[in-house]
Protein backbone atom coordinates (compact mmCIF):
# COMPACT_ATOMS: atom_id res chain seq x y z
CA MET A 1 101.89 182.14 112.61
CA GLU A 2 103.87 184.28 114.57
CA TYR A 3 101.95 187.14 116.19
CA GLY A 4 102.32 190.67 114.20
CA SER A 5 104.08 189.26 111.48
CA GLY A 6 101.19 190.61 109.33
CA LYS A 7 101.30 187.09 107.19
CA PRO A 8 98.18 184.92 107.41
CA SER A 9 98.77 181.32 108.30
CA TRP A 10 98.10 179.84 104.90
CA ALA A 11 101.49 182.20 103.72
CA ILE A 12 103.55 180.36 105.60
CA GLY A 13 105.85 176.96 105.60
CA GLY A 14 104.84 174.35 102.75
CA GLY A 15 106.50 172.10 100.04
CA GLY A 16 108.75 173.77 97.98
CA ASP A 17 108.75 177.02 99.95
CA SER A 18 111.21 178.70 101.60
CA ASP A 19 111.19 182.07 103.83
CA VAL A 20 114.27 184.06 103.10
CA GLU A 21 115.23 187.60 104.39
CA ASP A 22 116.34 189.94 102.62
CA GLY A 23 117.47 193.04 104.83
CA GLY A 24 115.12 191.85 107.35
CA ILE A 25 112.12 191.63 105.60
CA ARG A 26 110.65 188.01 105.11
CA THR A 27 109.75 187.30 101.91
CA ARG A 28 108.22 184.62 100.39
CA ARG A 29 109.87 182.49 97.70
CA ARG A 30 109.08 179.57 95.19
CA SER A 31 111.96 176.68 94.85
CA SER A 32 111.27 175.54 91.06
CA PRO A 33 110.55 171.66 91.73
CA VAL A 34 112.43 169.19 90.45
CA GLY A 35 111.28 165.78 89.08
CA ASP A 36 107.73 165.88 91.09
CA GLY A 37 106.14 163.95 88.41
CA GLY A 38 105.83 167.04 85.87
CA ALA A 39 103.96 169.40 88.56
CA GLY A 40 105.75 172.85 87.54
CA SER A 41 106.04 175.66 89.36
CA TYR A 42 102.85 178.53 90.28
CA GLN A 43 103.63 180.41 87.51
CA GLN A 44 103.96 177.71 85.16
CA GLN A 45 100.27 176.02 86.69
CA GLN A 46 98.93 179.60 85.91
CA GLN A 47 99.99 179.81 82.60
CA GLN A 48 99.03 176.59 81.96
CA ARG A 49 95.30 177.63 83.12
CA THR A 50 95.61 180.87 81.43
CA THR A 51 96.08 179.05 77.85
CA THR A 52 93.49 176.08 78.59
CA THR A 53 91.06 179.13 79.11
CA ASN A 54 91.87 181.17 76.29
CA ASN A 55 91.28 178.27 73.94
CA ASN A 56 87.14 178.75 74.69
CA TYR A 57 87.52 182.33 75.17
CA LYS A 58 89.97 185.51 74.72
CA THR A 59 90.94 187.39 78.12
CA ASN A 60 92.95 190.01 79.16
CA TYR A 61 93.09 188.54 82.49
CA GLN A 62 96.61 188.83 83.62
CA PRO A 63 97.66 186.43 86.82
CA PRO A 64 99.69 188.54 89.32
CA GLN A 65 102.91 187.70 89.60
CA LEU A 66 103.31 186.76 93.48
CA VAL A 67 106.97 185.18 93.46
CA GLY A 68 110.17 187.41 94.82
CA ASP A 69 107.83 190.11 96.37
CA THR A 70 107.28 190.77 99.77
CA TYR A 71 104.01 190.37 101.40
CA VAL A 72 102.97 194.05 101.36
CA GLU A 73 103.87 194.45 97.80
CA GLN A 74 102.21 191.16 96.75
CA GLN A 75 99.20 192.34 98.25
CA THR A 76 99.99 195.85 96.41
CA HIS A 77 99.66 193.93 93.51
CA MET A 78 96.71 192.17 94.04
CA ILE A 79 94.78 195.39 94.56
CA GLU A 80 96.17 197.32 91.73
CA ASP A 81 94.86 194.21 89.63
CA ILE A 82 91.43 194.50 91.10
CA ALA A 83 91.25 197.95 90.60
CA ARG A 84 92.76 197.39 87.35
CA THR A 85 89.69 194.90 86.60
CA ASN A 86 87.11 196.86 87.83
CA ILE A 87 87.98 199.91 85.71
CA GLU A 88 87.68 197.26 82.91
CA VAL A 89 84.65 195.68 83.83
CA GLU A 90 82.69 199.05 84.91
CA THR A 91 83.95 200.49 81.42
CA ASN A 92 82.64 197.47 79.75
CA ALA A 93 79.31 197.70 81.58
CA ASN A 94 78.88 201.62 81.04
CA ASN A 95 79.41 200.44 77.06
CA ILE A 96 76.90 197.74 77.08
CA LEU A 97 74.68 200.34 79.09
CA SER A 98 74.97 203.21 76.33
CA THR A 99 74.47 200.03 73.79
CA LEU A 100 71.17 198.89 75.20
CA TYR A 101 69.82 202.39 75.71
CA GLY A 102 70.47 202.95 72.22
CA GLN A 103 68.58 199.84 71.22
CA ARG A 104 65.83 200.74 73.97
CA GLN A 105 65.40 204.08 71.81
CA GLN A 106 65.15 202.51 68.61
CA LEU A 107 62.56 199.76 69.84
CA GLN A 108 60.60 202.67 71.07
CA ASN A 109 60.75 204.56 67.83
CA ALA A 110 60.02 201.08 65.59
CA ASN A 111 56.91 201.19 68.29
CA ASP A 112 55.72 204.30 67.69
CA ASN A 113 56.11 204.07 64.07
CA THR A 114 54.16 200.80 64.14
CA TRP A 115 51.24 202.08 66.03
CA GLN A 116 51.58 205.20 63.47
CA MET A 117 51.30 203.07 60.66
CA ARG A 118 48.19 201.11 62.47
CA THR A 119 46.26 204.34 62.79
CA ASN A 120 47.31 205.33 58.79
CA VAL A 121 45.95 201.95 57.93
CA ALA A 122 42.73 201.97 59.94
CA SER A 123 41.85 205.57 58.43
CA ALA A 124 42.85 204.45 55.07
CA GLN A 125 40.46 201.59 54.96
CA ARG A 126 37.57 204.03 56.30
CA GLU A 127 38.35 206.01 53.51
CA LEU A 128 38.25 203.25 50.83
CA LYS A 129 35.39 201.95 52.42
CA GLU A 130 33.51 205.43 51.89
CA LEU A 131 35.22 205.49 48.12
CA GLN A 132 33.19 201.99 47.86
CA ARG A 133 30.35 202.76 48.68
CA LYS A 134 30.23 206.34 46.82
CA ALA A 135 31.22 203.90 44.18
CA PHE A 136 28.69 201.65 44.35
CA LEU A 137 26.10 204.23 44.78
CA LYS A 138 27.32 206.15 41.49
CA LYS A 139 26.97 202.43 39.97
CA GLN A 140 23.28 201.87 41.00
CA LYS A 141 22.49 205.52 39.82
CA LEU A 142 23.95 204.27 36.12
CA TYR A 143 22.02 201.17 36.11
CA LEU A 144 18.62 203.37 36.96
CA ILE A 145 19.78 205.64 34.26
CA ILE A 146 20.41 202.57 31.58
CA ALA A 147 16.81 200.99 32.83
CA VAL A 148 15.24 204.29 31.80
CA LEU A 149 17.00 204.87 28.44
CA SER A 150 16.39 200.80 27.87
CA LEU A 151 12.30 201.38 28.71
CA VAL A 152 12.47 204.68 26.32
CA ASP A 153 13.97 202.41 23.49
CA ILE A 154 11.57 199.84 23.92
CA VAL A 155 8.80 202.03 23.91
CA LEU A 156 9.86 203.88 20.72
CA PHE A 157 10.97 200.64 18.85
CA CYS A 158 7.28 199.57 19.68
CA ARG A 159 5.84 202.56 18.17
CA ILE A 160 7.92 202.36 14.90
CA VAL A 161 6.98 198.94 14.72
CA GLN A 162 3.03 199.72 15.38
CA CYS A 163 3.73 202.57 12.81
CA GLY A 164 4.96 200.72 10.19
CA GLY A 165 8.44 202.02 10.12
CA SER A 166 7.51 205.73 10.50
CA PHE A 167 8.00 207.25 14.00
CA PHE A 168 4.79 209.13 13.63
CA CYS A 169 1.66 207.22 12.87
CA ARG A 170 -1.41 208.82 10.02
CA ARG A 171 -4.09 207.47 11.36
């Protein structure tokens, strides 16, 4: 690496790469490998990785096109891609947060409704027990009235039998 060139050491040299000067600006270009065992160019490899990845799940990611630009342009494109991705991720995160907030509100409303329903059920149980108690007392009163009337009937029946078929005895 030349001092002050603006390129990191990993950007200089390497198999299949050539540094070409365009108007005094050094650019990095990739030559397409021919007969290297089917390795393919950088773009083909990236496309193959994206295709393999897309088979597993859908993504909108497009790899940056680094071939043919100066180092500064490459970095600018990468930063633009990163900013675009960051905005997309932030938008998705905000959408997810708003969805989660709505679901939280639904759960809170369901919880409030559940507690209100439990309160109503407890009140209804108390009222039913009170109604059952009142019905039991009325039933006991009716049984008492039935017993008194049955006793009166038995006394009157005995009197009729004793008096020979007449209610009033003539003795």
